[in-house]
Amino acid sequence: MSAKSESYALLSSPKLHTTPWAYFSCEQALSPTIMAHFQDLIATATEYKHHQSFYEAFLCDQSEQLDPSIRRQLIERMAQLTQLNLTDRLQVSIQRMDVGHGAAPHTDRPLLGFETARLILQFNPDWQPSYGGVFQTHPTQTGTTVSSEHPPHHNSAIGFVMTRDSFHSVTEVLHPRFTAVLYFWHIGNTEPLATAIRALTCDLNFASLPKSLSLIQDQAERSCPEEATYQGSVVAFLLQHWGYGDEVIHQGYADTAWPQKASTAALWRGEPQESVDESALAIILARWITNLYDVDFDVTQWARLRTSLTPHDPGRYARLASIWQLAFPS
């Protein structure tokens, strides 16, 4: 079979789900050739590590053994189905759940440098309902409500964008269950960006912030959630680190603590502005970096900011250019 027809057969006829959150499923996920390759990955997986936390399984990283052509096809197809800007990085984890294993309801929110999308390929040719190991989706982390169920049928798949709300679980396994879990990275949340942000925030020293900021901080601490005031201080620290003066630092803190009244609200909503001061761009960038550092990667907000930042050339702003190009690559 040609590479072109193989690609066409990959994750064909996906069923798109919108509740309780967006994901897709396939009953015939892989062509025979690609299926055979993954079965080889499972057969040669020997260095399993026992994982125990909110889910229990034996894991074996087979990323280096994945055929480069299949890697490319998987990334291209997942980018198409999720509408994400994916990097060429793909990690493959062969996962074996033995009797008694399973996964409690959880969400794989993409923290700083984490993958942004998952594809679960299931390999269980003789599965029966009595075997358990069913993938379930939930509207909340309590897991008391099951919105959908996907048994681990042979050559079936489930794919989704990781968000704060993508709650799912796996019922108790009563017969060994095999899957290949594939991890995909977004161009806006890469390991080089994570390294750069960790370097920027490794020595947060709020005591060094301008004394003139204390009046705004006192007001915010009386009227804003603690998370907002903390993030405001991180934004102020970044702006100070980049060499901006007190006025810009004050505005960055205020925009973060009171986002509804922010001077940069239109840019934050993804509305391009023809004429924007460098200080406004610096505040937007500092707020986004703070989100990545303290919260998680929100792909929807990333897309908004990319829209509002696209008309502006990061090369014009020497102190912002490096981190800007990592966070919003062209």
Protein backbone atom coordinates (compact mmCIF):
# COMPACT_ATOMS: atom_id res chain seq x y z
CA MET A 1 0.00 0.00 0.00
CA SER A 2 1.36 3.42 -0.92
CA ALA A 3 2.27 6.05 1.70
CA LYS A 4 -0.54 8.24 0.37
CA SER A 5 -3.25 5.59 0.76
CA GLU A 6 -1.85 4.62 4.18
CA SER A 7 -2.20 8.23 5.34
CA TYR A 8 -5.77 8.37 4.04
CA ALA A 9 -6.62 5.23 6.05
CA LEU A 10 -5.25 6.67 9.30
CA LEU A 11 -7.97 7.57 11.83
CA SER A 12 -10.59 7.38 9.11
CA SER A 13 -14.30 8.13 9.63
CA PRO A 14 -13.82 9.77 13.02
CA LYS A 15 -16.90 10.43 15.12
CA LEU A 16 -16.81 13.93 16.62
CA HIS A 17 -18.21 14.40 20.12
CA THR A 18 -19.05 17.74 21.72
CA THR A 19 -20.26 16.59 25.15
CA PRO A 20 -19.17 16.65 27.88
CA TRP A 21 -16.17 18.14 26.06
CA ALA A 22 -14.77 17.98 22.53
CA TYR A 23 -13.06 14.77 21.40
CA PHE A 24 -13.21 12.21 18.60
CA SER A 25 -13.38 8.44 18.42
CA CYS A 26 -12.65 5.91 15.67
CA GLU A 27 -13.71 2.29 15.46
CA GLN A 28 -11.19 1.47 12.69
CA ALA A 29 -8.21 3.63 13.56
CA LEU A 30 -5.23 2.10 11.77
CA SER A 31 -4.58 0.54 8.39
CA PRO A 32 -3.18 -3.03 8.42
CA THR A 33 0.40 -1.85 7.85
CA ILE A 34 0.34 0.73 10.64
CA MET A 35 -1.50 -1.70 12.91
CA ALA A 36 1.26 -4.28 12.36
CA HIS A 37 3.90 -1.69 13.27
CA PHE A 38 2.19 -0.85 16.56
CA GLN A 39 1.75 -4.51 17.37
CA ASP A 40 5.52 -4.84 16.92
CA LEU A 41 6.01 -1.92 19.34
CA ILE A 42 3.85 -3.75 21.89
CA ALA A 43 5.61 -7.07 21.32
CA THR A 44 9.07 -5.51 21.80
CA ALA A 45 8.08 -3.40 24.84
CA THR A 46 10.08 -4.95 27.68
CA GLU A 47 11.29 -2.14 29.95
CA TYR A 48 8.00 -1.39 31.65
CA LYS A 49 7.84 0.97 34.62
CA HIS A 50 5.09 0.63 37.20
CA HIS A 51 3.09 3.86 37.48
CA GLN A 52 0.93 4.41 40.57
CA SER A 53 -0.99 7.61 41.27
CA PHE A 54 -4.53 8.52 40.18
CA TYR A 55 -4.08 5.78 37.61
CA GLU A 56 -2.15 2.52 37.75
CA ALA A 57 -0.47 0.85 34.78
CA PHE A 58 2.82 -0.44 33.45
CA LEU A 59 4.39 2.00 30.96
CA CYS A 60 7.08 1.53 28.32
CA ASP A 61 8.37 4.42 26.17
CA GLN A 62 8.67 3.26 22.55
CA SER A 63 9.04 6.72 20.99
CA GLU A 64 12.44 6.00 19.43
CA GLN A 65 11.11 2.84 17.79
CA LEU A 66 8.25 4.57 15.97
CA ASP A 67 8.71 4.55 12.19
CA PRO A 68 9.49 8.15 11.01
CA SER A 69 6.97 7.96 8.18
CA ILE A 70 4.20 6.83 10.52
CA ARG A 71 5.24 9.53 12.99
CA ARG A 72 4.81 12.18 10.31
CA GLN A 73 1.42 10.80 9.25
CA LEU A 74 0.16 10.71 12.84
CA ILE A 75 1.19 14.31 13.53
CA GLU A 76 -0.36 15.56 10.27
CA ARG A 77 -3.62 13.69 10.89
CA MET A 78 -3.90 14.82 14.52
CA ALA A 79 -3.22 18.42 13.46
CA GLN A 80 -6.03 18.09 10.94
CA LEU A 81 -8.52 16.56 13.38
CA THR A 82 -7.75 18.85 16.33
CA GLN A 83 -7.02 22.02 14.29
CA LEU A 84 -3.89 22.52 16.39
CA ASN A 85 -0.48 23.87 15.39
CA LEU A 86 1.60 20.84 16.38
CA THR A 87 5.36 20.45 16.57
CA ASP A 88 7.19 17.45 15.10
CA ARG A 89 7.60 15.97 18.59
CA LEU A 90 5.62 12.79 19.31
CA GLN A 91 5.96 10.51 22.32
CA VAL A 92 4.63 6.93 22.32
CA SER A 93 3.87 5.17 25.59
CA ILE A 94 2.85 1.50 25.48
CA GLN A 95 0.58 0.98 28.47
CA ARG A 96 -0.43 -2.32 29.99
CA MET A 97 -3.14 -2.37 32.65
CA ASP A 98 -3.27 -5.59 34.62
CA VAL A 99 -6.09 -6.95 36.79
CA GLY A 100 -7.09 -4.36 39.37
CA HIS A 101 -5.60 -1.42 37.49
CA GLY A 102 -7.62 1.57 36.27
CA ALA A 103 -7.76 5.36 36.30
CA ALA A 104 -9.77 7.62 38.57
CA PRO A 105 -11.61 10.60 37.02
CA HIS A 106 -9.05 13.26 36.13
CA THR A 107 -8.11 15.87 33.57
CA ASP A 108 -4.72 16.13 31.84
CA ARG A 109 -4.54 19.92 31.75
CA PRO A 110 -1.45 21.03 29.80
CA LEU A 111 0.91 22.69 32.27
CA LEU A 112 4.03 24.56 31.21
CA GLY A 113 5.92 22.53 28.60
CA PHE A 114 3.38 19.69 28.66
CA GLU A 115 1.83 18.01 25.64
CA THR A 116 -1.44 19.48 24.37
CA ALA A 117 -3.20 16.56 22.67
CA ARG A 118 -3.55 12.84 23.28
CA LEU A 119 -4.39 9.90 21.06
CA ILE A 120 -5.26 6.58 22.70
CA LEU A 121 -4.93 3.55 20.42
CA GLN A 122 -6.47 0.35 21.78
CA PHE A 123 -5.19 -3.18 21.06
CA ASN A 124 -7.40 -5.86 22.59
CA PRO A 125 -8.59 -8.34 19.92
CA ASP A 126 -10.49 -10.63 22.30
CA TRP A 127 -12.03 -8.00 24.56
CA GLN A 128 -15.33 -8.86 26.26
CA PRO A 129 -17.54 -6.65 28.48
CA SER A 130 -16.56 -8.69 31.54
CA TYR A 131 -12.93 -7.60 31.04
CA GLY A 132 -13.54 -3.96 32.12
CA GLY A 133 -11.02 -1.26 31.22
CA VAL A 134 -13.62 1.02 29.60
CA PHE A 135 -12.68 4.64 28.82
CA GLN A 136 -15.31 7.00 30.25
CA THR A 137 -15.87 10.75 29.92
CA HIS A 138 -17.29 12.95 32.68
CA PRO A 139 -18.55 16.54 32.95
CA THR A 140 -16.80 17.02 36.33
CA GLN A 141 -13.94 15.49 38.27
CA THR A 142 -16.28 13.77 40.72
CA GLY A 143 -16.98 11.16 38.05
CA THR A 144 -20.47 10.56 39.41
CA THR A 145 -21.93 11.28 35.97
CA VAL A 146 -20.73 9.22 33.01
CA SER A 147 -21.36 11.02 29.74
CA SER A 148 -20.00 8.34 27.38
CA GLU A 149 -18.19 5.02 27.36
CA HIS A 150 -15.67 3.62 24.89
CA PRO A 151 -14.74 -0.04 25.35
CA PRO A 152 -11.13 -0.95 24.46
CA HIS A 153 -12.06 -2.63 21.20
CA HIS A 154 -9.20 -3.73 18.99
CA ASN A 155 -8.05 -0.98 16.59
CA SER A 156 -10.29 1.68 18.13
CA ALA A 157 -9.04 5.13 19.15
CA ILE A 158 -9.93 8.20 21.20
CA GLY A 159 -8.29 11.57 20.58
CA PHE A 160 -8.67 14.90 22.35
CA VAL A 161 -7.20 18.29 23.12
CA MET A 162 -6.17 18.47 26.76
CA THR A 163 -7.99 21.16 28.75
CA ARG A 164 -8.96 21.91 32.34
CA ASP A 165 -12.33 20.27 31.65
CA SER A 166 -11.42 17.07 29.78
CA PHE A 167 -12.35 14.75 32.66
CA HIS A 168 -12.07 11.03 31.93
CA SER A 169 -11.38 7.71 33.61
CA VAL A 170 -10.80 4.01 32.95
CA THR A 171 -12.94 1.45 34.78
CA GLU A 172 -11.28 -1.33 36.78
CA VAL A 173 -9.44 -3.79 34.55
CA LEU A 174 -10.34 -7.46 35.01
CA HIS A 175 -8.23 -8.78 32.13
CA PRO A 176 -4.92 -7.35 30.78
CA ARG A 177 -5.57 -4.27 28.62
CA PHE A 178 -3.10 -2.83 26.07
CA THR A 179 -3.07 0.70 24.65
CA ALA A 180 -0.58 2.99 22.96
CA VAL A 181 -0.94 6.52 24.30
CA LEU A 182 0.48 9.16 21.96
CA TYR A 183 1.44 12.64 23.18
CA PHE A 184 1.50 15.67 20.85
CA TRP A 185 3.03 19.10 21.56
CA HIS A 186 1.74 22.51 20.49
CA ILE A 187 4.10 25.10 18.99
CA GLY A 188 3.06 27.54 21.73
CA ASN A 189 4.01 25.29 24.67
CA THR A 190 7.33 23.68 23.86
CA GLU A 191 10.14 22.54 26.13
CA PRO A 192 12.47 25.39 24.98
CA LEU A 193 9.76 27.89 25.97
CA ALA A 194 9.29 26.14 29.31
CA THR A 195 13.04 26.32 29.93
CA ALA A 196 13.08 30.04 29.12
CA ILE A 197 10.11 30.79 31.39
CA ARG A 198 11.59 28.80 34.26
CA ALA A 199 14.77 30.82 33.90
CA LEU A 200 12.78 34.08 34.00
CA THR A 201 10.87 33.04 37.11
CA CYS A 202 13.50 31.07 39.01
CA ASP A 203 14.22 33.97 41.36
CA LEU A 204 10.96 35.85 41.81
CA ASN A 205 11.75 38.69 44.18
CA PHE A 206 8.66 40.79 44.80
CA ALA A 207 10.53 42.82 47.41
CA SER A 208 12.48 44.40 44.55
CA LEU A 209 9.33 45.83 42.92
CA PRO A 210 8.96 49.62 42.95
CA LYS A 211 7.75 50.99 46.29
CA SER A 212 5.27 53.11 44.33
CA LEU A 213 3.41 49.91 43.42
CA SER A 214 2.41 49.28 47.04
CA LEU A 215 -0.69 51.52 46.88
CA ILE A 216 -2.07 49.59 43.89
CA GLN A 217 -1.18 46.28 45.56
CA ASP A 218 -2.98 47.26 48.76
CA GLN A 219 -6.11 48.17 46.82
CA ALA A 220 -5.99 44.91 44.84
CA GLU A 221 -5.50 42.80 47.96
CA ARG A 222 -8.71 44.28 49.40
CA SER A 223 -10.84 43.62 46.31
CA CYS A 224 -9.27 40.86 44.17
CA PRO A 225 -8.73 37.13 44.59
CA GLU A 226 -5.33 36.11 45.93
CA GLU A 227 -4.51 34.39 42.63
CA ALA A 228 -5.03 37.66 40.73
CA THR A 229 -2.78 39.66 43.05
CA TYR A 230 -0.05 37.02 42.88
CA GLN A 231 -0.19 36.95 39.08
CA GLY A 232 -0.13 40.76 39.05
CA SER A 233 3.10 40.66 41.02
CA VAL A 234 4.62 38.13 38.60
CA VAL A 235 3.68 40.37 35.66
CA ALA A 236 5.21 43.38 37.42
CA PHE A 237 8.38 41.38 38.09
CA LEU A 238 8.71 40.39 34.43
CA LEU A 239 8.19 43.95 33.24
CA GLN A 240 10.80 45.18 35.69
CA HIS A 241 13.19 42.44 34.55
CA TRP A 242 12.77 43.61 30.96
CA GLY A 243 13.71 47.14 31.99
CA TYR A 244 10.36 48.94 31.85
CA GLY A 245 9.67 51.89 34.13
CA ASP A 246 7.28 52.28 37.04
CA GLU A 247 4.34 53.47 34.93
CA VAL A 248 4.39 50.34 32.75
CA ILE A 249 4.90 48.10 35.81
CA HIS A 250 1.89 49.73 37.51
CA GLN A 251 -0.26 49.25 34.41
CA GLY A 252 0.79 45.61 33.99
CA TYR A 253 -0.12 44.83 37.58
CA ALA A 254 -3.47 46.63 37.30
CA ASP A 255 -4.36 44.95 33.98
CA THR A 256 -3.75 41.56 35.60
CA ALA A 257 -5.57 42.24 38.86
CA TRP A 258 -8.57 43.91 37.16
CA PRO A 259 -8.69 42.33 33.66
CA GLN A 260 -12.21 43.67 32.95
CA LYS A 261 -10.84 47.22 33.15
CA ALA A 262 -7.49 46.48 31.53
CA SER A 263 -5.97 49.00 29.15
CA THR A 264 -4.90 46.01 27.04
CA ALA A 265 -8.31 44.25 27.14
CA ALA A 266 -8.88 44.46 23.37
CA LEU A 267 -5.49 42.89 22.62
CA TRP A 268 -6.15 40.17 25.20
CA ARG A 269 -9.45 39.36 23.47
CA GLY A 270 -7.57 38.85 20.20
CA GLU A 271 -8.57 42.10 18.52
CA PRO A 272 -5.68 43.40 16.37
CA GLN A 273 -4.82 47.07 16.86
CA GLU A 274 -3.07 49.06 14.15
CA SER A 275 -1.20 51.33 16.55
CA VAL A 276 0.06 49.73 19.77
CA ASP A 277 2.72 51.00 22.15
CA GLU A 278 5.57 48.68 23.01
CA SER A 279 4.47 48.83 26.64
CA ALA A 280 1.08 47.32 25.76
CA LEU A 281 2.76 44.46 23.90
CA ALA A 282 5.09 43.89 26.84
CA ILE A 283 2.13 43.73 29.25
CA ILE A 284 0.30 41.23 27.04
CA LEU A 285 3.40 39.05 26.79
CA ALA A 286 4.04 39.23 30.54
CA ARG A 287 0.44 38.28 31.30
CA TRP A 288 0.60 35.30 28.93
CA ILE A 289 3.91 34.06 30.36
CA THR A 290 2.43 34.37 33.85
CA ASN A 291 -0.56 32.27 32.75
CA LEU A 292 1.79 29.57 31.49
CA TYR A 293 3.91 29.73 34.64
CA ASP A 294 1.10 29.80 37.21
CA VAL A 295 -1.94 28.24 35.49
CA ASP A 296 -1.69 26.19 32.28
CA PHE A 297 -1.64 26.40 28.49
CA ASP A 298 -5.00 27.58 27.14
CA VAL A 299 -4.93 26.92 23.41
CA THR A 300 -8.00 29.12 22.79
CA GLN A 301 -6.40 32.11 24.48
CA TRP A 302 -3.11 31.43 22.70
CA ALA A 303 -4.94 31.64 19.36
CA ARG A 304 -6.55 34.95 20.37
CA LEU A 305 -3.24 36.49 21.35
CA ARG A 306 -1.52 35.22 18.24
CA THR A 307 -4.18 37.03 16.19
CA SER A 308 -3.66 40.29 18.04
CA LEU A 309 0.14 40.04 17.98
CA THR A 310 0.55 38.94 14.35
CA PRO A 311 0.56 42.48 12.88
CA HIS A 312 3.57 43.37 15.05
CA ASP A 313 7.16 42.37 14.37
CA PRO A 314 8.87 41.01 17.50
CA GLY A 315 12.23 41.85 15.95
CA ARG A 316 11.49 45.54 16.61
CA TYR A 317 11.48 44.97 20.37
CA ALA A 318 14.89 43.66 21.41
CA ARG A 319 14.05 42.95 25.05
CA LEU A 320 10.92 40.99 24.12
CA ALA A 321 11.98 39.31 20.89
CA SER A 322 13.44 36.07 22.26
CA ILE A 323 10.56 35.04 24.53
CA TRP A 324 7.96 36.39 22.06
CA GLN A 325 9.28 34.21 19.24
CA LEU A 326 9.27 31.14 21.50
CA ALA A 327 5.72 31.77 22.72
CA PHE A 328 4.25 32.80 19.35
CA PRO A 329 6.46 31.35 16.62
CA SER A 330 5.77 32.55 13.11
